[in-house]
Amino acid sequence: MIFLDTNLFQRFFVAPVTDQDRIWQAQAIGLMNAVKDGTIHATCSEVVIHEVCQILVSKRQCGMPTLDIVDFAQSVLSFASMRFDGEQGTLFLRALGIWADHPRLEFSDLVIAARSERSGHELATCDRHFRDLPFLEFWPPEIPVPDST
């Protein structure tokens, strides 16, 4: 089993610029093809997926459209030999699916939402952007809006 770091995904997804980038991309493509066809088993963590999403969506770094990132990430996380503990893979795929519908949110918030949804737990948060996710239940049910006078 191989643990995949953020930069491997970045090399796999992002067009190379330098000769060294081309070497790293060839290595990343070779490894990911082996994971895709089942020759090598691999895994990664929530932190890695979050970093990948942040780097790819960042206008200062790659500036990729959210839906392109979601498509790439969903396909890679579904490779034949990608392995995750328990239901982690399903959770990550659900978070990416939510992101496709709510691209302003960050992947970390989407994982929180997917975990809350799956567990049936109420979400205690002060972040109002979660209110756009109709499948969540909140504690407290309503956050009072301060009087502006």
Protein backbone atom coordinates (compact mmCIF):
# COMPACT_ATOMS: atom_id res chain seq x y z
CA MET A 1 0.00 0.00 0.00
CA ILE A 2 1.31 3.42 -0.96
CA PHE A 3 0.22 6.65 0.79
CA LEU A 4 -0.21 9.40 -1.81
CA ASP A 5 0.93 12.92 -0.88
CA THR A 6 -0.60 16.13 -2.16
CA ASN A 7 2.21 16.91 -4.59
CA LEU A 8 1.71 13.58 -6.40
CA PHE A 9 -1.89 14.55 -7.18
CA GLN A 10 -0.73 18.02 -8.19
CA ARG A 11 1.82 16.52 -10.61
CA PHE A 12 -0.87 14.20 -11.97
CA PHE A 13 -3.49 16.95 -12.52
CA VAL A 14 -1.43 20.01 -13.50
CA ALA A 15 0.39 20.53 -16.80
CA PRO A 16 4.17 20.56 -16.37
CA VAL A 17 6.17 23.73 -16.92
CA THR A 18 9.79 22.69 -16.43
CA ASP A 19 11.77 19.60 -17.42
CA GLN A 20 11.72 18.50 -13.77
CA ASP A 21 7.94 18.93 -13.73
CA ARG A 22 7.71 16.65 -16.77
CA ILE A 23 9.76 13.97 -15.00
CA TRP A 24 7.58 14.21 -11.88
CA GLN A 25 4.41 14.14 -13.98
CA ALA A 26 5.57 11.01 -15.83
CA GLN A 27 6.23 9.32 -12.47
CA ALA A 28 2.85 10.44 -11.10
CA ILE A 29 1.01 9.27 -14.22
CA GLY A 30 2.77 5.90 -14.07
CA LEU A 31 1.85 5.41 -10.44
CA MET A 32 -1.75 6.58 -10.87
CA ASN A 33 -2.20 4.28 -13.90
CA ALA A 34 -1.01 1.36 -11.75
CA VAL A 35 -3.53 2.36 -9.06
CA LYS A 36 -6.24 2.69 -11.71
CA ASP A 37 -5.62 -0.77 -13.17
CA GLY A 38 -5.22 -2.45 -9.78
CA THR A 39 -1.50 -3.20 -9.94
CA ILE A 40 -0.69 -1.01 -6.91
CA HIS A 41 -2.91 -0.26 -3.92
CA ALA A 42 -2.88 3.32 -2.66
CA THR A 43 -4.56 5.55 -0.11
CA CYS A 44 -4.53 9.14 1.05
CA SER A 45 -6.13 11.20 3.78
CA GLU A 46 -8.73 13.89 4.15
CA VAL A 47 -5.89 16.40 4.63
CA VAL A 48 -4.33 15.44 1.29
CA ILE A 49 -7.62 15.75 -0.59
CA HIS A 50 -8.26 19.11 1.06
CA GLU A 51 -4.82 20.39 0.06
CA VAL A 52 -5.26 19.15 -3.50
CA CYS A 53 -8.60 20.92 -3.80
CA GLN A 54 -7.20 24.15 -2.32
CA ILE A 55 -4.18 24.18 -4.64
CA LEU A 56 -6.18 23.38 -7.76
CA VAL A 57 -8.96 25.92 -7.11
CA SER A 58 -6.66 28.72 -5.87
CA LYS A 59 -6.50 31.57 -8.37
CA ARG A 60 -2.91 32.22 -7.23
CA GLN A 61 -1.87 28.65 -8.00
CA CYS A 62 -3.85 26.67 -10.60
CA GLY A 63 -7.23 28.41 -10.85
CA MET A 64 -9.06 25.31 -12.09
CA PRO A 65 -12.86 25.40 -12.22
CA THR A 66 -14.49 23.59 -9.30
CA LEU A 67 -16.41 21.17 -11.50
CA ASP A 68 -13.21 20.09 -13.28
CA ILE A 69 -11.56 19.43 -9.92
CA VAL A 70 -14.59 17.49 -8.72
CA ASP A 71 -14.56 15.34 -11.89
CA PHE A 72 -10.81 14.65 -11.63
CA ALA A 73 -10.92 13.89 -7.91
CA GLN A 74 -14.02 11.68 -8.12
CA SER A 75 -12.48 9.61 -10.89
CA VAL A 76 -9.15 9.18 -9.07
CA LEU A 77 -10.78 8.34 -5.73
CA SER A 78 -12.80 5.68 -7.58
CA PHE A 79 -9.73 3.95 -9.08
CA ALA A 80 -9.76 0.16 -8.65
CA SER A 81 -6.97 0.09 -6.06
CA MET A 82 -7.70 3.23 -4.04
CA ARG A 83 -8.32 2.08 -0.48
CA PHE A 84 -9.75 3.95 2.48
CA ASP A 85 -10.55 2.95 6.05
CA GLY A 86 -14.18 2.10 6.59
CA GLU A 87 -16.48 4.41 4.67
CA GLN A 88 -13.93 7.21 4.17
CA GLY A 89 -13.92 6.89 0.38
CA THR A 90 -17.70 7.21 0.24
CA LEU A 91 -17.50 10.22 2.55
CA PHE A 92 -14.90 11.93 0.34
CA LEU A 93 -16.97 11.27 -2.78
CA ARG A 94 -20.07 12.69 -1.06
CA ALA A 95 -18.11 15.81 -0.04
CA LEU A 96 -16.99 16.28 -3.66
CA GLY A 97 -20.57 15.85 -4.82
CA ILE A 98 -21.70 18.57 -2.41
CA TRP A 99 -18.89 20.80 -3.69
CA ALA A 100 -20.18 20.45 -7.24
CA ASP A 101 -23.48 21.97 -6.06
CA HIS A 102 -21.91 24.51 -3.65
CA PRO A 103 -18.57 25.57 -5.18
CA ARG A 104 -18.08 28.52 -2.80
CA LEU A 105 -17.50 26.17 0.13
CA GLU A 106 -14.12 24.69 0.98
CA PHE A 107 -13.47 20.97 0.95
CA SER A 108 -12.91 20.90 4.72
CA ASP A 109 -16.42 22.31 5.26
CA LEU A 110 -17.83 19.78 2.83
CA VAL A 111 -16.29 16.90 4.76
CA ILE A 112 -17.82 18.33 7.95
CA ALA A 113 -21.20 18.53 6.20
CA ALA A 114 -20.91 14.99 4.81
CA ARG A 115 -19.93 13.62 8.24
CA SER A 116 -22.86 15.42 9.93
CA GLU A 117 -25.25 14.18 7.26
CA ARG A 118 -24.04 10.58 7.47
CA SER A 119 -24.13 10.43 11.26
CA GLY A 120 -27.45 12.24 11.57
CA HIS A 121 -25.84 14.66 14.04
CA GLU A 122 -26.85 18.28 14.34
CA LEU A 123 -24.09 20.66 13.32
CA ALA A 124 -23.09 23.31 15.83
CA THR A 125 -21.46 26.15 13.90
CA CYS A 126 -21.36 29.91 13.63
CA ASP A 127 -20.62 29.74 9.90
CA ARG A 128 -23.68 30.84 7.95
CA HIS A 129 -22.54 29.25 4.68
CA PHE A 130 -23.58 25.86 6.04
CA ARG A 131 -27.18 27.13 5.99
CA ASP A 132 -27.14 26.69 2.19
CA LEU A 133 -27.00 22.92 2.69
CA PRO A 134 -30.64 21.84 3.13
CA PHE A 135 -29.79 18.31 4.25
CA LEU A 136 -28.13 19.51 7.49
CA GLU A 137 -29.77 19.98 10.86
CA PHE A 138 -28.33 22.64 13.13
CA TRP A 139 -27.79 23.25 16.80
CA PRO A 140 -29.03 25.66 17.83
CA PRO A 141 -31.77 25.57 15.18
CA GLU A 142 -31.60 29.32 14.60
CA ILE A 143 -28.64 31.60 15.19
CA PRO A 144 -29.89 35.01 16.34
CA VAL A 145 -28.87 37.92 14.15
CA PRO A 146 -27.44 40.79 16.26
CA ASP A 147 -29.46 44.00 16.33
CA SER A 148 -27.69 46.55 14.15
CA THR A 149 -29.08 49.56 16.00
